């Protein structure tokens, strides 16, 4: 038996725009994704049970086979044609659900990373991204991490300037947002000018010029505007919703205002955490 522990960072979308809809129903997008230091921890252990089992701490799984970590494991073994003698996956969830923070994709990326190490790096990084893109559009980014420009359905990844050093407050209310319904609402929007990515240079000021997140135009979650207002009141240099929501983030150049904003959000009953940008995605646990 062999085991490995992986940190699985959440992501935020510094900006997000929809550029079109494909014939298969998927939406084409352009987004700058950023890994952040809110992470799940994923423990993967091979065994002789003959099956793949998952324990997600704090969450009751309705169906193990529908879990993205399970899908990642089965896809890995199918692609590599390695026989799976058995596997147990433990996920310590710290990334909020239905938040637009990529928690499920982060866990899937962590499983792929762990299995590749357990099986002596049978896959290249590009192959892991290929496996992951067939499971979830954000998995390739969650494997690579850092600050990246993503196009297509999210699987086309390009390097851009890293986000300048800052402090990030991430907050959300109790209600989540259905990604499927959010995209359906996007389809009803009138055509608009697509964000000019060439404006981005890694600074917070450049992010302000990119037009934010198009999903804010269709959200009916009142917590989004409340959280943005609190972040602005406490001096956030920029704030926006992440992904299709419902989490909102604020970028601060100084630690103290970020800490004060986080405290105020918690007092108002919101989930809130202060974090920093990361330069990596799914990563072996440092010991």
Protein backbone atom coordinates (compact mmCIF):
# COMPACT_ATOMS: atom_id res chain seq x y z
CA UNK A 1 0.00 0.00 0.00
CA UNK A 2 1.13 3.54 -0.76
CA UNK A 3 -0.39 6.82 0.35
CA UNK A 4 0.09 10.49 -0.42
CA UNK A 5 -1.41 13.75 0.79
CA UNK A 6 -2.07 16.63 -1.61
CA UNK A 7 -3.07 20.23 -0.99
CA UNK A 8 -5.85 21.30 -3.38
CA UNK A 9 -6.06 25.10 -3.70
CA UNK A 10 -9.29 26.92 -4.55
CA UNK A 11 -9.38 29.37 -7.44
CA UNK A 12 -10.93 32.73 -8.08
CA UNK A 13 -11.70 34.32 -11.45
CA UNK A 14 -10.03 37.71 -11.51
CA UNK A 15 -12.22 38.38 -14.55
CA UNK A 16 -14.59 36.22 -16.58
CA UNK A 17 -16.39 36.77 -19.87
CA UNK A 18 -18.38 34.50 -22.18
CA UNK A 19 -17.30 34.64 -25.82
CA UNK A 20 -19.83 32.26 -27.39
CA UNK A 21 -21.68 28.96 -27.23
CA UNK A 22 -20.59 25.77 -28.97
CA UNK A 23 -22.78 23.34 -30.86
CA UNK A 24 -22.34 20.79 -28.05
CA UNK A 25 -23.93 23.20 -25.57
CA UNK A 26 -20.74 24.23 -23.78
CA UNK A 27 -19.89 27.92 -23.47
CA UNK A 28 -16.64 29.41 -24.72
CA UNK A 29 -15.07 31.75 -22.19
CA UNK A 30 -12.10 33.92 -21.44
CA UNK A 31 -10.98 34.21 -17.84
CA UNK A 32 -7.95 34.90 -15.71
CA UNK A 33 -7.83 32.35 -12.91
CA UNK A 34 -5.85 32.68 -9.71
CA UNK A 35 -4.99 29.97 -7.17
CA UNK A 36 -5.53 31.03 -3.55
CA UNK A 37 -4.48 29.71 -0.17
CA UNK A 38 -7.90 28.36 0.80
CA UNK A 39 -7.36 24.65 0.24
CA UNK A 40 -8.86 21.23 0.59
CA UNK A 41 -6.53 18.45 1.72
CA UNK A 42 -6.82 15.17 -0.18
CA UNK A 43 -5.38 11.90 1.16
CA UNK A 44 -5.10 9.03 -1.34
CA UNK A 45 -4.15 5.49 -0.29
CA UNK A 46 -3.90 2.42 -2.48
CA UNK A 47 -5.12 -0.87 -0.99
CA UNK A 48 -6.31 -4.36 -1.91
CA UNK A 49 -10.05 -3.77 -1.48
CA UNK A 50 -10.83 -4.00 -5.17
CA UNK A 51 -12.90 -0.81 -5.07
CA UNK A 52 -12.62 2.96 -4.88
CA UNK A 53 -14.04 4.45 -1.69
CA UNK A 54 -14.35 8.10 -0.63
CA UNK A 55 -14.72 9.74 2.75
CA UNK A 56 -15.50 13.46 2.48
CA UNK A 57 -15.24 14.91 5.97
CA UNK A 58 -18.27 16.94 6.95
CA UNK A 59 -20.28 16.04 3.83
CA UNK A 60 -22.65 13.14 3.17
CA UNK A 61 -22.16 11.91 -0.39
CA UNK A 62 -25.39 10.94 -2.14
CA UNK A 63 -23.50 8.95 -4.75
CA UNK A 64 -19.79 8.12 -4.65
CA UNK A 65 -19.72 7.50 -8.40
CA UNK A 66 -20.93 11.06 -9.07
CA UNK A 67 -18.12 12.59 -7.01
CA UNK A 68 -15.49 14.32 -9.12
CA UNK A 69 -12.66 12.70 -7.13
CA UNK A 70 -14.09 9.27 -7.97
CA UNK A 71 -14.44 10.22 -11.62
CA UNK A 72 -10.84 11.44 -11.67
CA UNK A 73 -9.57 8.15 -10.24
CA UNK A 74 -11.54 5.98 -12.67
CA UNK A 75 -10.50 8.17 -15.62
CA UNK A 76 -6.82 7.90 -14.61
CA UNK A 77 -6.94 4.13 -14.54
CA UNK A 78 -8.87 3.95 -17.81
CA UNK A 79 -6.37 6.21 -19.57
CA UNK A 80 -3.24 4.50 -18.23
CA UNK A 81 -4.72 1.00 -18.50
CA UNK A 82 -3.34 0.27 -15.02
CA UNK A 83 -5.38 -2.19 -13.00
CA UNK A 84 -6.75 -0.58 -9.82
CA UNK A 85 -6.34 -2.99 -6.88
CA UNK A 86 -8.24 -0.60 -4.62
CA UNK A 87 -8.17 2.98 -3.46
CA UNK A 88 -9.37 5.01 -0.51
CA UNK A 89 -9.70 8.80 -0.81
CA UNK A 90 -10.22 11.10 2.16
CA UNK A 91 -11.15 14.73 1.43
CA UNK A 92 -10.91 17.35 4.16
CA UNK A 93 -13.17 20.07 2.73
CA UNK A 94 -12.30 23.68 3.49
CA UNK A 95 -13.39 25.16 0.15
CA UNK A 96 -17.09 26.14 0.29
CA UNK A 97 -19.53 24.35 -2.01
CA UNK A 98 -21.49 26.02 -4.84
CA UNK A 99 -19.27 29.06 -4.52
CA UNK A 100 -17.48 29.34 -7.87
CA UNK A 101 -14.19 28.53 -6.15
CA UNK A 102 -13.48 25.26 -7.98
CA UNK A 103 -13.53 23.01 -4.92
CA UNK A 104 -14.62 19.88 -6.78
CA UNK A 105 -12.14 20.48 -9.59
CA UNK A 106 -9.36 21.06 -7.06
CA UNK A 107 -10.12 17.68 -5.47
CA UNK A 108 -10.15 15.98 -8.89
CA UNK A 109 -6.79 17.55 -9.74
CA UNK A 110 -5.38 16.41 -6.40
CA UNK A 111 -6.45 12.81 -7.04
CA UNK A 112 -4.83 12.82 -10.50
CA UNK A 113 -1.64 14.28 -9.02
CA UNK A 114 -1.56 11.68 -6.24
CA UNK A 115 -2.20 8.71 -8.52
CA UNK A 116 0.46 9.85 -10.95
CA UNK A 117 3.01 9.89 -8.15
CA UNK A 118 1.84 6.56 -6.73
CA UNK A 119 2.26 5.01 -10.19
CA UNK A 120 5.75 6.42 -10.83
CA UNK A 121 4.71 9.41 -12.96
CA UNK A 122 3.24 7.34 -15.77
CA UNK A 123 1.58 10.48 -17.21
CA UNK A 124 3.05 13.78 -18.30
CA UNK A 125 1.53 17.01 -17.06
CA UNK A 126 -0.18 17.49 -20.43
CA UNK A 127 -1.67 14.00 -20.20
CA UNK A 128 -3.06 14.72 -16.73
CA UNK A 129 -4.65 17.90 -18.08
CA UNK A 130 -6.15 15.90 -20.96
CA UNK A 131 -7.63 13.37 -18.53
CA UNK A 132 -8.92 16.13 -16.29
CA UNK A 133 -10.53 18.20 -19.05
CA UNK A 134 -12.87 15.30 -19.82
CA UNK A 135 -14.12 15.39 -16.23
CA UNK A 136 -14.30 19.10 -15.43
CA UNK A 137 -13.27 22.22 -17.37
CA UNK A 138 -11.43 23.73 -14.36
CA UNK A 139 -9.33 20.65 -13.57
CA UNK A 140 -6.47 21.50 -15.97
CA UNK A 141 -6.07 24.89 -14.29
CA UNK A 142 -6.28 23.31 -10.83
CA UNK A 143 -3.43 21.00 -11.83
CA UNK A 144 -1.22 23.86 -13.05
CA UNK A 145 -2.34 26.69 -10.77
CA UNK A 146 -0.86 30.13 -10.27
CA UNK A 147 -2.16 32.97 -12.44
CA UNK A 148 -3.30 31.79 -15.87
CA UNK A 149 -5.35 32.95 -18.84
CA UNK A 150 -7.90 30.26 -19.70
CA UNK A 151 -9.95 30.04 -22.89
CA UNK A 152 -12.16 27.49 -24.62
CA UNK A 153 -14.25 25.90 -21.88
CA UNK A 154 -11.34 26.60 -19.55
CA UNK A 155 -8.94 23.95 -20.77
CA UNK A 156 -6.82 26.20 -23.04
CA UNK A 157 -4.24 27.59 -20.62
CA UNK A 158 -1.72 30.36 -21.28
CA UNK A 159 0.84 32.01 -19.02
CA UNK A 160 0.29 35.64 -18.03
CA UNK A 161 1.92 37.97 -15.53
CA UNK A 162 1.44 36.75 -11.95
CA UNK A 163 -0.94 38.76 -9.80
CA UNK A 164 0.87 41.37 -7.73
CA UNK A 165 1.37 40.62 -4.04
CA UNK A 166 -1.86 41.28 -2.17
CA UNK A 167 -4.31 39.99 0.41
CA UNK A 168 -7.57 38.40 -0.69
CA UNK A 169 -10.79 38.21 1.30
CA UNK A 170 -13.21 35.54 0.09
CA UNK A 171 -16.78 35.51 1.41
CA UNK A 172 -20.15 33.93 0.69
CA UNK A 173 -23.59 33.61 2.20
CA UNK A 174 -25.50 30.44 2.96
CA UNK A 175 -27.11 30.16 -0.47
CA UNK A 176 -25.26 28.66 -3.39
CA UNK A 177 -25.76 29.28 -7.10
CA UNK A 178 -26.54 26.61 -9.69
CA UNK A 179 -23.90 26.78 -12.41
CA UNK A 180 -26.34 25.31 -14.95
CA UNK A 181 -28.99 27.94 -14.24
CA UNK A 182 -26.41 30.74 -14.28
CA UNK A 183 -25.28 29.75 -17.79
CA UNK A 184 -28.90 29.57 -18.94
CA UNK A 185 -29.37 33.18 -17.85
CA UNK A 186 -26.19 34.20 -19.65
CA UNK A 187 -27.74 32.94 -22.90
CA UNK A 188 -30.45 35.59 -22.54
CA UNK A 189 -28.06 38.53 -22.46
CA UNK A 190 -27.69 40.82 -25.44
CA UNK A 191 -24.39 40.66 -27.42
CA UNK A 192 -21.63 42.73 -25.86
CA UNK A 193 -18.02 43.70 -26.37
CA UNK A 194 -15.62 41.05 -25.08
CA UNK A 195 -13.03 42.02 -22.49
CA UNK A 196 -9.64 43.08 -23.87
CA UNK A 197 -7.18 40.73 -22.17
CA UNK A 198 -4.20 42.72 -23.45
CA UNK A 199 -5.00 45.29 -20.73
CA UNK A 200 -3.92 42.83 -18.00
CA UNK A 201 -0.37 43.24 -16.69
CA UNK A 202 -0.55 41.58 -13.27
CA UNK A 203 -1.59 44.69 -11.37
CA UNK A 204 -4.86 45.18 -9.52
CA UNK A 205 -5.40 48.38 -11.50
CA UNK A 206 -5.31 46.45 -14.77
CA UNK A 207 -7.91 43.98 -13.47
CA UNK A 208 -10.29 46.88 -12.86
CA UNK A 209 -10.20 47.66 -16.59
CA UNK A 210 -11.23 44.18 -17.72
CA UNK A 211 -14.95 44.43 -17.04
CA UNK A 212 -15.31 42.13 -14.04
CA UNK A 213 -17.40 38.95 -14.12
CA UNK A 214 -20.29 38.66 -16.57
CA UNK A 215 -22.16 36.35 -14.18
CA UNK A 216 -22.75 39.28 -11.84
CA UNK A 217 -25.17 40.61 -14.46
CA UNK A 218 -27.48 37.61 -14.07
CA UNK A 219 -27.19 36.66 -10.40
CA UNK A 220 -30.24 36.98 -8.17
CA UNK A 221 -28.25 36.23 -5.01
CA UNK A 222 -28.63 39.31 -2.81
CA UNK A 223 -25.61 38.34 -0.70
CA UNK A 224 -23.31 39.12 -3.62
CA UNK A 225 -24.05 42.85 -3.59
CA UNK A 226 -24.01 42.97 0.22
CA UNK A 227 -20.59 41.37 0.41
CA UNK A 228 -19.18 43.60 -2.33
CA UNK A 229 -20.41 46.65 -0.46
CA UNK A 230 -18.73 45.56 2.78
CA UNK A 231 -15.48 44.81 0.98
CA UNK A 232 -15.57 48.23 -0.69
CA UNK A 233 -16.40 49.98 2.59
CA UNK A 234 -13.31 48.45 4.17
CA UNK A 235 -11.05 49.57 1.37
CA UNK A 236 -10.88 46.74 -1.15
CA UNK A 237 -9.02 47.90 -4.24
CA UNK A 238 -11.16 45.58 -6.37
CA UNK A 239 -13.96 43.09 -5.76
CA UNK A 240 -15.95 40.70 -7.93
CA UNK A 241 -17.86 37.45 -7.87
CA UNK A 242 -15.86 34.29 -8.64
CA UNK A 243 -17.04 31.93 -11.37
CA UNK A 244 -20.80 31.61 -11.52
CA UNK A 245 -20.94 32.48 -7.80
CA UNK A 246 -21.89 32.74 -5.06
CA UNK A 247 -18.50 33.59 -3.50
CA UNK A 248 -17.19 37.14 -3.77
CA UNK A 249 -13.57 38.20 -3.34
CA UNK A 250 -11.86 41.48 -2.56
CA UNK A 251 -8.24 42.37 -3.32
CA UNK A 252 -6.40 44.46 -0.73
CA UNK A 253 -2.87 45.82 -0.90
CA UNK A 254 -2.52 45.88 2.89
CA UNK A 255 -3.18 43.14 5.46
CA UNK A 256 -4.99 45.18 8.12
CA UNK A 257 -7.93 46.38 5.99
CA UNK A 258 -8.34 42.84 4.68
CA UNK A 259 -8.44 41.43 8.21
CA UNK A 260 -10.95 44.08 9.28
CA UNK A 261 -13.18 43.34 6.30
CA UNK A 262 -13.04 39.61 7.04
CA UNK A 263 -14.02 40.22 10.66
CA UNK A 264 -16.94 42.46 9.65
CA UNK A 265 -18.24 39.88 7.17
CA UNK A 266 -18.14 37.14 9.79
CA UNK A 267 -20.02 39.36 12.25
CA UNK A 268 -22.71 39.75 9.57
CA UNK A 269 -23.01 35.96 9.37
CA UNK A 270 -21.06 35.33 6.18
CA UNK A 271 -18.38 32.73 5.60
CA UNK A 272 -15.19 34.76 5.20
CA UNK A 273 -11.49 33.95 4.97
CA UNK A 274 -8.39 36.01 4.33
CA UNK A 275 -5.87 34.39 1.99
CA UNK A 276 -3.08 35.15 -0.46
CA UNK A 277 -2.36 34.31 -4.13
CA UNK A 278 -0.52 31.05 -4.79
CA UNK A 279 1.86 30.22 -7.62
CA UNK A 280 0.92 26.53 -7.85
CA UNK A 281 -2.01 24.14 -8.15
CA UNK A 282 -2.39 20.61 -6.75
CA UNK A 283 0.75 20.02 -4.70
CA UNK A 284 2.39 17.31 -2.60
CA UNK A 285 2.00 18.07 1.07
CA UNK A 286 5.22 19.55 2.45
CA UNK A 287 6.57 17.50 5.34
